[in-house]
Amino acid sequence: MSFLGFLLLGLIAGAIAKLILPGKQGGGWLITLLLGVVGALLGGWLGSAIFNVDMGGFFDIRSWLLAIGGSIVVLLIYGLIVGRGSKARS
């Protein structure tokens, strides 16, 4: 998969992860892109390490499921970090 394809996959996976998770998550499209790309990397790494599944091409369903799953995990961690910091300031 090309670099631009991977960025697009990360952006879409991050946006889908934000839609799946309940509540209001902060951040704009740049944070969504970064969280999605990190999530896609995490999902690909976990998929290969645990399930012995590699990231396929852009249109492969495994790539999308791994990227979205990784993005959900990263978004949950991001919400815990950012939520904890904002509560401490109140």
C-alpha atoms as a PDB file:
ATOM      1  CA  MET A   1       0.000   0.000   0.000  1.00  0.00           C
ATOM      2  CA  SER A   2       1.332   3.437  -0.860  1.00  0.00           C
ATOM      3  CA  PHE A   3       1.996   6.127   1.711  1.00  0.00           C
ATOM      4  CA  LEU A   4      -0.934   8.264   0.537  1.00  0.00           C
ATOM      5  CA  GLY A   5      -3.203   5.215   0.550  1.00  0.00           C
ATOM      6  CA  PHE A   6      -2.131   4.463   4.108  1.00  0.00           C
ATOM      7  CA  LEU A   7      -2.869   8.066   5.166  1.00  0.00           C
ATOM      8  CA  LEU A   8      -6.291   7.883   3.552  1.00  0.00           C
ATOM      9  CA  LEU A   9      -6.973   4.540   5.245  1.00  0.00           C
ATOM     10  CA  GLY A  10      -5.918   6.039   8.590  1.00  0.00           C
ATOM     11  CA  LEU A  11      -8.122   9.103   8.154  1.00  0.00           C
ATOM     12  CA  ILE A  12     -11.184   7.066   7.267  1.00  0.00           C
ATOM     13  CA  ALA A  13     -10.504   4.471   9.980  1.00  0.00           C
ATOM     14  CA  GLY A  14     -10.109   7.237  12.576  1.00  0.00           C
ATOM     15  CA  ALA A  15     -13.369   8.852  11.476  1.00  0.00           C
ATOM     16  CA  ILE A  16     -15.210   5.516  11.637  1.00  0.00           C
ATOM     17  CA  ALA A  17     -13.740   4.848  15.090  1.00  0.00           C
ATOM     18  CA  LYS A  18     -15.013   8.251  16.277  1.00  0.00           C
ATOM     19  CA  LEU A  19     -18.476   7.392  14.944  1.00  0.00           C
ATOM     20  CA  ILE A  20     -18.488   3.981  16.661  1.00  0.00           C
ATOM     21  CA  LEU A  21     -17.390   5.216  20.081  1.00  0.00           C
ATOM     22  CA  PRO A  22     -20.066   6.929  22.161  1.00  0.00           C
ATOM     23  CA  GLY A  23     -19.559  10.386  23.613  1.00  0.00           C
ATOM     24  CA  LYS A  24     -17.848  13.462  22.297  1.00  0.00           C
ATOM     25  CA  GLN A  25     -14.222  13.166  21.321  1.00  0.00           C
ATOM     26  CA  GLY A  26     -12.207  16.295  20.766  1.00  0.00           C
ATOM     27  CA  GLY A  27      -9.820  17.025  17.983  1.00  0.00           C
ATOM     28  CA  GLY A  28     -10.292  17.954  14.385  1.00  0.00           C
ATOM     29  CA  TRP A  29      -9.364  16.187  11.202  1.00  0.00           C
ATOM     30  CA  LEU A  30      -5.620  16.364  11.937  1.00  0.00           C
ATOM     31  CA  ILE A  31      -6.024  14.559  15.278  1.00  0.00           C
ATOM     32  CA  THR A  32      -8.349  12.077  13.544  1.00  0.00           C
ATOM     33  CA  LEU A  33      -5.691  11.478  10.877  1.00  0.00           C
ATOM     34  CA  LEU A  34      -2.921  10.991  13.420  1.00  0.00           C
ATOM     35  CA  LEU A  35      -5.000   8.691  15.635  1.00  0.00           C
ATOM     36  CA  GLY A  36      -6.176   6.744  12.598  1.00  0.00           C
ATOM     37  CA  VAL A  37      -2.655   6.226  11.239  1.00  0.00           C
ATOM     38  CA  VAL A  38      -1.356   5.207  14.668  1.00  0.00           C
ATOM     39  CA  GLY A  39      -4.383   2.944  15.049  1.00  0.00           C
ATOM     40  CA  ALA A  40      -3.783   1.378  11.635  1.00  0.00           C
ATOM     41  CA  LEU A  41      -0.172   0.712  12.594  1.00  0.00           C
ATOM     42  CA  LEU A  42      -1.237  -0.739  15.937  1.00  0.00           C
ATOM     43  CA  GLY A  43      -3.972  -2.836  14.338  1.00  0.00           C
ATOM     44  CA  GLY A  44      -1.597  -4.178  11.696  1.00  0.00           C
ATOM     45  CA  TRP A  45       1.036  -5.016  14.292  1.00  0.00           C
ATOM     46  CA  LEU A  46      -1.455  -6.709  16.635  1.00  0.00           C
ATOM     47  CA  GLY A  47      -3.034  -8.576  13.733  1.00  0.00           C
ATOM     48  CA  SER A  48       0.292  -9.992  12.649  1.00  0.00           C
ATOM     49  CA  ALA A  49       1.513 -10.694  16.190  1.00  0.00           C
ATOM     50  CA  ILE A  50      -1.628 -12.292  17.642  1.00  0.00           C
ATOM     51  CA  PHE A  51      -3.658 -13.608  14.710  1.00  0.00           C
ATOM     52  CA  ASN A  52      -0.883 -14.044  12.114  1.00  0.00           C
ATOM     53  CA  VAL A  53      -2.847 -11.844   9.695  1.00  0.00           C
ATOM     54  CA  ASP A  54      -1.035  -9.263   7.589  1.00  0.00           C
ATOM     55  CA  MET A  55      -2.314  -5.956   6.266  1.00  0.00           C
ATOM     56  CA  GLY A  56      -3.471  -6.526   2.708  1.00  0.00           C
ATOM     57  CA  GLY A  57      -4.115  -3.920   0.059  1.00  0.00           C
ATOM     58  CA  PHE A  58      -6.250  -0.814   0.364  1.00  0.00           C
ATOM     59  CA  PHE A  59      -9.445  -2.617  -0.657  1.00  0.00           C
ATOM     60  CA  ASP A  60      -8.844  -5.675   1.532  1.00  0.00           C
ATOM     61  CA  ILE A  61     -11.424  -6.061   4.310  1.00  0.00           C
ATOM     62  CA  ARG A  62      -8.719  -7.284   6.709  1.00  0.00           C
ATOM     63  CA  SER A  63      -6.868  -3.993   6.349  1.00  0.00           C
ATOM     64  CA  TRP A  64      -9.999  -2.020   7.170  1.00  0.00           C
ATOM     65  CA  LEU A  65     -10.984  -4.159  10.149  1.00  0.00           C
ATOM     66  CA  LEU A  66      -7.479  -4.062  11.614  1.00  0.00           C
ATOM     67  CA  ALA A  67      -7.175  -0.302  11.043  1.00  0.00           C
ATOM     68  CA  ILE A  68     -10.590   0.475  12.551  1.00  0.00           C
ATOM     69  CA  GLY A  69      -9.983  -1.835  15.516  1.00  0.00           C
ATOM     70  CA  GLY A  70      -6.590  -0.273  16.169  1.00  0.00           C
ATOM     71  CA  SER A  71      -8.070   3.215  15.818  1.00  0.00           C
ATOM     72  CA  ILE A  72     -10.731   2.420  18.402  1.00  0.00           C
ATOM     73  CA  VAL A  73      -8.050   1.285  20.850  1.00  0.00           C
ATOM     74  CA  VAL A  74      -5.933   4.390  20.219  1.00  0.00           C
ATOM     75  CA  LEU A  75      -8.975   6.665  20.506  1.00  0.00           C
ATOM     76  CA  LEU A  76      -9.937   5.097  23.832  1.00  0.00           C
ATOM     77  CA  ILE A  77      -6.406   5.631  25.152  1.00  0.00           C
ATOM     78  CA  TYR A  78      -6.418   9.216  23.809  1.00  0.00           C
ATOM     79  CA  GLY A  79      -9.761   9.873  25.527  1.00  0.00           C
ATOM     80  CA  LEU A  80      -8.419   8.590  28.834  1.00  0.00           C
ATOM     81  CA  ILE A  81      -5.325  10.791  28.611  1.00  0.00           C
ATOM     82  CA  VAL A  82      -7.109  13.953  27.467  1.00  0.00           C
ATOM     83  CA  GLY A  83     -10.124  13.392  29.751  1.00  0.00           C
ATOM     84  CA  ARG A  84      -7.924  12.937  32.795  1.00  0.00           C
ATOM     85  CA  GLY A  85      -5.995  16.118  32.039  1.00  0.00           C
ATOM     86  CA  SER A  86      -9.127  18.243  31.600  1.00  0.00           C
ATOM     87  CA  LYS A  87     -10.664  16.947  34.852  1.00  0.00           C
ATOM     88  CA  ALA A  88      -7.545  17.865  36.788  1.00  0.00           C
ATOM     89  CA  ARG A  89      -7.788  21.484  35.600  1.00  0.00           C
ATOM     90  CA  SER A  90     -11.407  21.937  36.671  1.00  0.00           C
END
